[in-house]
Amino acid sequence: MHTGHPLFTVMTPTFNRAHTLRRVYDSLRAQTCGDFEWLVVDDGSTDDTRGLIESLRAQADFPVRYVWQLNQHKKAAFNHGVREAAGELIVALDSDDTLEPSALAGMAAVWHGIDARDRHRYVAVTGLCVRPGGRVVGDRFPRDVMDATPLDMWFRYRVRGEKFGCLSSDVLRRFPFPQDVPGFVPESLVWRAMGRAGYLTRFVNQVFRVYHDSADALSHQGREGGRHALGLWMLAQDTVVHCLPWFRYAPLEFFKAAARYTRFSLHMRRNGQARPADRSLKGSGARLLVAAMWPAGLALYLRDRFGSRAAG
């Protein structure tokens, strides 16, 4: 059980990352805002993660909590951490990344800058990431302070690249990651669902996170192949079925998603994976898009198959 109610829970899901967790800890020690706890959710590590966290807890001047679960997946560890979090806001910091020293103070200032009467309509404060050398990852936001949804930012303003911030614990608990889906599940499925439910994000051109590229990150694990086909198909299905009100801003994105719908459907069929019953292709607009882009989806699937054979 947790005690106290800090403003932030910095939550770190981890699996066999004892070699990078001290870097996370050092960045937390450097924070100019001390109103936080560090919650480490261990997804069944077999290295010395537990021993490391126990030693760091003994020397930390902020609360450190460690919870362990049988190895499942990052999304299950994320949901576990959200249930355990004591803070009003959750900062989901990967086990190989760090925070800028002023990150928590900056997020707190932006969050409290939202009128208290309107704050229940907001789910997040989102800022920028930089590489270790200081280069901003991806695009900046069109304005230094913007209230919008992730759907607006992606389709209407076409902002790309890693972004980072804090999220309301109460809202996150109402939008858990689907744990019955094996393998990779895109985070954007959850952020989009919150946006469609009417929750706003305050986007700011402030740097909060230093992004460290790791060889074992998901981005290096061949997500475009069949292994993560179900999660990628779910994202394509979500785009063509639930995001059509944004079609006028970025029609090409919807045509590409329709092609990916077929591409990953074929991968799933080959893998013997069934489509989730609650994610059918509903609506005439979605059906027309997928039908029009079916040849392109087939071509992409065949490229995947022959490309993987050539690589083998």
Protein backbone atom coordinates (compact mmCIF):
# COMPACT_ATOMS: atom_id res chain seq x y z
CA MET A 1 0.00 0.00 0.00
CA HIS A 2 1.21 3.51 -0.73
CA THR A 3 1.23 6.35 1.75
CA GLY A 4 1.07 10.07 1.06
CA HIS A 5 -0.12 11.80 -2.07
CA PRO A 6 2.69 13.43 -4.04
CA LEU A 7 1.92 15.49 -7.09
CA PHE A 8 3.85 13.09 -9.35
CA THR A 9 4.41 9.38 -9.58
CA VAL A 10 7.40 8.80 -11.83
CA MET A 11 6.62 5.28 -13.04
CA THR A 12 9.29 3.13 -14.66
CA PRO A 13 8.24 -0.23 -16.14
CA THR A 14 11.38 -2.32 -16.56
CA PHE A 15 12.67 -5.70 -17.68
CA ASN A 16 16.33 -6.64 -17.24
CA ARG A 17 17.50 -3.03 -17.28
CA ALA A 18 19.53 -2.89 -14.06
CA HIS A 19 22.38 -1.50 -16.17
CA THR A 20 20.38 1.65 -17.09
CA LEU A 21 18.19 2.24 -14.02
CA ARG A 22 20.88 4.12 -12.11
CA ARG A 23 20.85 6.71 -14.91
CA VAL A 24 17.11 7.18 -14.34
CA TYR A 25 17.70 7.49 -10.60
CA ASP A 26 20.45 10.09 -11.03
CA SER A 27 18.13 12.23 -13.17
CA LEU A 28 15.46 12.06 -10.44
CA ARG A 29 17.96 13.11 -7.78
CA ALA A 30 18.71 16.18 -9.90
CA GLN A 31 15.08 17.35 -10.07
CA THR A 32 14.36 20.87 -8.84
CA CYS A 33 10.85 19.74 -7.82
CA GLY A 34 10.78 17.22 -4.97
CA ASP A 35 7.05 16.50 -4.91
CA PHE A 36 7.25 13.00 -6.40
CA GLU A 37 7.72 9.31 -5.76
CA TRP A 38 9.56 6.82 -7.97
CA LEU A 39 7.60 3.65 -8.70
CA VAL A 40 9.56 0.85 -10.41
CA VAL A 41 7.39 -1.90 -11.92
CA ASP A 42 9.54 -4.95 -12.60
CA ASP A 43 8.11 -7.15 -15.36
CA GLY A 44 9.78 -10.34 -14.15
CA SER A 45 13.45 -9.34 -14.50
CA THR A 46 16.09 -12.02 -14.08
CA ASP A 47 18.99 -9.62 -13.48
CA ASP A 48 19.68 -7.80 -10.20
CA THR A 49 16.96 -5.17 -10.64
CA ARG A 50 15.45 -5.84 -7.19
CA GLY A 51 18.79 -5.56 -5.41
CA LEU A 52 19.68 -2.38 -7.26
CA ILE A 53 16.39 -0.67 -6.41
CA GLU A 54 16.71 -1.69 -2.76
CA SER A 55 20.16 -0.11 -2.60
CA LEU A 56 18.95 3.06 -4.32
CA ARG A 57 15.95 3.29 -1.98
CA ALA A 58 18.31 3.21 1.02
CA GLN A 59 20.15 6.29 -0.22
CA ALA A 60 17.34 8.25 -1.92
CA ASP A 61 15.93 11.45 -0.47
CA PHE A 62 12.56 10.78 -2.16
CA PRO A 63 10.14 7.83 -1.86
CA VAL A 64 11.11 4.79 -3.94
CA ARG A 65 8.71 1.87 -4.36
CA TYR A 66 9.32 -1.43 -6.12
CA VAL A 67 6.63 -3.82 -7.34
CA TRP A 68 7.24 -7.09 -9.15
CA GLN A 69 5.06 -9.12 -11.50
CA LEU A 70 5.44 -12.25 -13.57
CA ASN A 71 6.82 -11.42 -16.99
CA GLN A 72 3.98 -10.29 -19.26
CA HIS A 73 4.66 -7.19 -21.34
CA LYS A 74 5.32 -3.50 -20.92
CA LYS A 75 1.60 -2.70 -21.31
CA ALA A 76 0.74 -4.98 -18.37
CA ALA A 77 3.49 -3.39 -16.27
CA PHE A 78 2.16 0.05 -17.26
CA ASN A 79 -1.39 -0.86 -16.15
CA HIS A 80 -0.01 -2.30 -12.89
CA GLY A 81 1.88 0.91 -12.22
CA VAL A 82 -1.15 3.09 -12.91
CA ARG A 83 -3.15 1.10 -10.35
CA GLU A 84 -0.36 1.49 -7.78
CA ALA A 85 0.43 5.16 -8.36
CA ALA A 86 -0.07 7.54 -5.45
CA GLY A 87 0.50 10.74 -7.42
CA GLU A 88 -2.11 12.96 -8.99
CA LEU A 89 -0.06 12.88 -12.20
CA ILE A 90 1.91 10.03 -13.72
CA VAL A 91 5.21 10.47 -15.56
CA ALA A 92 5.92 7.22 -17.43
CA LEU A 93 9.70 7.29 -17.73
CA ASP A 94 11.32 4.38 -19.57
CA SER A 95 14.11 2.52 -17.84
CA ASP A 96 16.72 3.80 -20.28
CA ASP A 97 15.77 7.50 -20.41
CA THR A 98 16.26 10.54 -18.17
CA LEU A 99 14.45 13.71 -17.18
CA GLU A 100 15.79 17.21 -17.63
CA PRO A 101 16.52 18.68 -14.14
CA SER A 102 13.63 21.15 -14.44
CA ALA A 103 11.20 18.66 -16.02
CA LEU A 104 8.91 18.00 -13.05
CA ALA A 105 8.92 21.66 -12.01
CA GLY A 106 8.03 22.65 -15.57
CA MET A 107 5.20 20.13 -15.81
CA ALA A 108 3.83 21.25 -12.44
CA ALA A 109 3.85 24.89 -13.53
CA VAL A 110 2.02 24.09 -16.77
CA TRP A 111 -0.54 21.86 -15.02
CA HIS A 112 -1.29 24.45 -12.34
CA GLY A 113 -1.46 27.10 -15.06
CA ILE A 114 -4.65 25.44 -16.29
CA ASP A 115 -7.67 27.05 -14.61
CA ALA A 116 -8.65 24.81 -11.68
CA ARG A 117 -12.28 24.94 -12.84
CA ASP A 118 -11.30 23.45 -16.22
CA ARG A 119 -8.58 21.03 -15.14
CA HIS A 120 -10.96 18.04 -15.10
CA ARG A 121 -11.18 18.37 -18.90
CA TYR A 122 -7.44 17.79 -19.33
CA VAL A 123 -5.59 14.50 -19.31
CA ALA A 124 -2.00 15.53 -19.93
CA VAL A 125 0.79 18.05 -20.22
CA THR A 126 3.02 17.12 -23.17
CA GLY A 127 6.36 18.61 -24.12
CA LEU A 128 9.45 17.76 -26.13
CA CYS A 129 12.25 15.20 -26.04
CA VAL A 130 15.88 15.73 -26.93
CA ARG A 131 18.75 13.42 -27.80
CA PRO A 132 21.69 13.32 -25.37
CA GLY A 133 23.42 15.97 -27.48
CA GLY A 134 20.47 18.36 -27.10
CA ARG A 135 18.84 17.99 -30.52
CA VAL A 136 15.03 18.05 -30.35
CA VAL A 137 13.42 14.79 -31.47
CA GLY A 138 10.90 15.34 -34.26
CA ASP A 139 8.83 18.49 -34.68
CA ARG A 140 8.08 21.31 -32.30
CA PHE A 141 4.47 22.25 -31.76
CA PRO A 142 3.03 25.03 -33.97
CA ARG A 143 2.67 27.33 -30.94
CA ASP A 144 4.50 27.37 -27.62
CA VAL A 145 1.28 26.62 -25.71
CA MET A 146 -1.60 24.75 -27.36
CA ASP A 147 -4.71 23.00 -26.05
CA ALA A 148 -5.68 20.15 -28.36
CA THR A 149 -6.00 16.37 -28.53
CA PRO A 150 -3.35 13.94 -29.80
CA LEU A 151 -5.65 13.36 -32.79
CA ASP A 152 -5.53 17.06 -33.66
CA MET A 153 -1.77 17.14 -33.22
CA TRP A 154 -1.22 14.12 -35.48
CA PHE A 155 -3.77 14.65 -38.25
CA ARG A 156 -4.47 18.39 -38.27
CA TYR A 157 -1.10 19.85 -37.29
CA ARG A 158 1.01 16.88 -38.51
CA VAL A 159 3.46 17.02 -35.63
CA ARG A 160 5.75 13.98 -35.62
CA GLY A 161 8.38 12.50 -33.33
CA GLU A 162 8.70 11.40 -29.69
CA LYS A 163 6.89 13.61 -27.21
CA PHE A 164 6.72 13.33 -23.42
CA GLY A 165 4.95 14.63 -20.34
CA CYS A 166 2.61 13.71 -17.50
CA LEU A 167 -0.91 12.29 -17.42
CA SER A 168 -3.81 12.37 -14.97
CA SER A 169 -3.80 9.21 -12.85
CA ASP A 170 -7.58 9.23 -12.52
CA VAL A 171 -8.13 9.41 -16.29
CA LEU A 172 -5.46 6.79 -17.05
CA ARG A 173 -7.22 4.32 -14.77
CA ARG A 174 -10.30 4.62 -16.98
CA PHE A 175 -8.32 3.92 -20.16
CA PRO A 176 -6.07 0.89 -19.54
CA PHE A 177 -3.98 -0.74 -22.22
CA PRO A 178 -5.60 -3.90 -23.63
CA GLN A 179 -3.74 -6.76 -21.94
CA ASP A 180 -5.43 -9.57 -23.87
CA VAL A 181 -3.48 -8.64 -27.01
CA PRO A 182 -0.17 -10.51 -27.31
CA GLY A 183 2.91 -8.48 -28.18
CA PHE A 184 3.20 -4.83 -29.10
CA VAL A 185 0.23 -2.48 -28.67
CA PRO A 186 0.71 1.12 -29.93
CA GLU A 187 0.39 3.67 -27.10
CA SER A 188 -1.45 5.98 -29.47
CA LEU A 189 -4.52 3.72 -29.26
CA VAL A 190 -4.97 4.82 -25.65
CA TRP A 191 -4.15 8.49 -26.24
CA ARG A 192 -6.59 8.60 -29.18
CA ALA A 193 -9.38 7.06 -27.11
CA MET A 194 -8.91 9.77 -24.48
CA GLY A 195 -9.03 12.46 -27.16
CA ARG A 196 -12.24 11.08 -28.64
CA ALA A 197 -13.72 11.06 -25.12
CA GLY A 198 -13.18 14.83 -25.03
CA TYR A 199 -10.04 15.10 -22.89
CA LEU A 200 -7.58 17.83 -23.85
CA THR A 201 -3.80 17.93 -23.63
CA ARG A 202 -1.81 21.08 -23.02
CA PHE A 203 1.11 20.93 -25.47
CA VAL A 204 4.15 23.09 -24.71
CA ASN A 205 7.47 23.65 -26.45
CA GLN A 206 9.44 22.77 -23.32
CA VAL A 207 11.97 19.96 -23.11
CA PHE A 208 11.15 17.40 -20.44
CA ARG A 209 12.91 14.17 -21.42
CA VAL A 210 16.27 13.03 -22.75
CA TYR A 211 15.68 10.12 -25.14
CA HIS A 212 18.37 7.44 -25.18
CA ASP A 213 18.19 5.02 -28.09
CA SER A 214 18.66 1.39 -26.98
CA ALA A 215 19.46 -1.64 -29.09
CA ASP A 216 16.71 -3.66 -27.36
CA ALA A 217 13.98 -1.03 -27.78
CA LEU A 218 10.80 -1.96 -29.64
CA SER A 219 11.80 0.27 -32.52
CA HIS A 220 14.67 -2.12 -33.24
CA GLN A 221 12.67 -5.33 -33.03
CA GLY A 222 11.19 -5.48 -36.49
CA ARG A 223 7.73 -4.16 -35.70
CA GLU A 224 6.90 -4.12 -39.41
CA GLY A 225 6.99 -7.91 -39.65
CA GLY A 226 4.44 -10.46 -38.55
CA ARG A 227 5.47 -10.57 -34.88
CA HIS A 228 3.62 -7.36 -34.03
CA ALA A 229 1.00 -7.61 -36.76
CA LEU A 230 -1.98 -7.61 -34.41
CA GLY A 231 -1.06 -4.38 -32.65
CA LEU A 232 -0.26 -2.62 -35.91
CA TRP A 233 -3.50 -3.87 -37.46
CA MET A 234 -5.40 -2.49 -34.45
CA LEU A 235 -3.87 0.94 -35.06
CA ALA A 236 -4.85 0.83 -38.74
CA GLN A 237 -8.37 -0.29 -37.83
CA ASP A 238 -8.67 2.52 -35.29
CA THR A 239 -7.61 5.06 -37.93
CA VAL A 240 -10.03 4.06 -40.68
CA VAL A 241 -12.99 3.32 -38.37
CA HIS A 242 -12.79 5.83 -35.53
CA CYS A 243 -10.73 8.75 -36.84
CA LEU A 244 -12.58 9.64 -40.05
CA PRO A 245 -13.67 13.08 -38.72
CA TRP A 246 -10.00 14.07 -39.19
CA PHE A 247 -9.82 12.73 -42.78
CA ARG A 248 -10.04 16.21 -44.33
CA TYR A 249 -6.81 17.28 -42.63
CA ALA A 250 -4.60 14.39 -43.78
CA PRO A 251 -6.29 12.14 -46.36
CA LEU A 252 -3.02 10.45 -47.30
CA GLU A 253 -2.64 9.16 -43.74
CA PHE A 254 -5.99 7.40 -44.05
CA PHE A 255 -5.15 5.81 -47.40
CA LYS A 256 -1.89 4.51 -45.93
CA ALA A 257 -3.72 3.18 -42.87
CA ALA A 258 -6.23 1.41 -45.12
CA ALA A 259 -3.35 -0.32 -46.93
CA ARG A 260 -1.80 -1.33 -43.62
CA TYR A 261 -5.17 -2.76 -42.55
CA THR A 262 -4.93 -5.33 -45.36
CA ARG A 263 -1.17 -5.77 -44.99
CA PHE A 264 -1.34 -6.78 -41.34
CA SER A 265 -4.61 -8.72 -41.78
CA LEU A 266 -2.70 -11.01 -44.13
CA HIS A 267 0.16 -11.34 -41.68
CA MET A 268 -2.34 -12.24 -38.96
CA ARG A 269 -4.01 -14.83 -41.17
CA ARG A 270 -0.64 -16.42 -41.89
CA ASN A 271 0.19 -16.41 -38.16
CA GLY A 272 -3.18 -17.94 -37.24
CA GLN A 273 -4.21 -14.83 -35.29
CA ALA A 274 -7.89 -13.93 -35.08
CA ARG A 275 -9.13 -10.36 -35.30
CA PRO A 276 -10.57 -9.07 -32.00
CA ALA A 277 -14.35 -9.41 -32.14
CA ASP A 278 -14.88 -5.85 -30.89
CA ARG A 279 -12.78 -4.31 -33.69
CA SER A 280 -14.74 -4.96 -36.85
CA LEU A 281 -14.58 -2.86 -40.02
CA LYS A 282 -17.64 -0.67 -39.37
CA GLY A 283 -19.00 2.08 -41.58
CA SER A 284 -19.20 2.60 -45.32
CA GLY A 285 -16.31 5.08 -45.32
CA ALA A 286 -13.96 2.58 -43.67
CA ARG A 287 -15.02 -0.20 -46.03
CA LEU A 288 -14.51 1.97 -49.11
CA LEU A 289 -11.04 3.02 -47.97
CA VAL A 290 -9.93 -0.54 -47.30
CA ALA A 291 -11.39 -1.82 -50.58
CA ALA A 292 -9.69 0.95 -52.58
CA MET A 293 -6.32 0.28 -50.96
CA TRP A 294 -6.53 -3.53 -50.94
CA PRO A 295 -4.07 -3.95 -53.87
CA ALA A 296 -1.53 -1.71 -52.12
CA GLY A 297 -1.98 -3.66 -48.88
CA LEU A 298 -1.40 -6.94 -50.70
CA ALA A 299 1.72 -5.53 -52.37
CA LEU A 300 3.11 -4.43 -48.99
CA TYR A 301 2.42 -7.86 -47.51
CA LEU A 302 4.19 -9.59 -50.39
CA ARG A 303 7.12 -7.20 -50.02
CA ASP A 304 7.35 -8.16 -46.33
CA ARG A 305 7.29 -11.86 -47.16
CA PHE A 306 9.85 -11.78 -49.97
CA GLY A 307 11.97 -9.25 -48.10
CA SER A 308 12.16 -11.49 -45.02
CA ARG A 309 13.06 -14.49 -47.20
CA ALA A 310 15.85 -12.54 -48.86
CA ALA A 311 17.17 -11.40 -45.48
CA GLY A 312 17.02 -15.00 -44.22
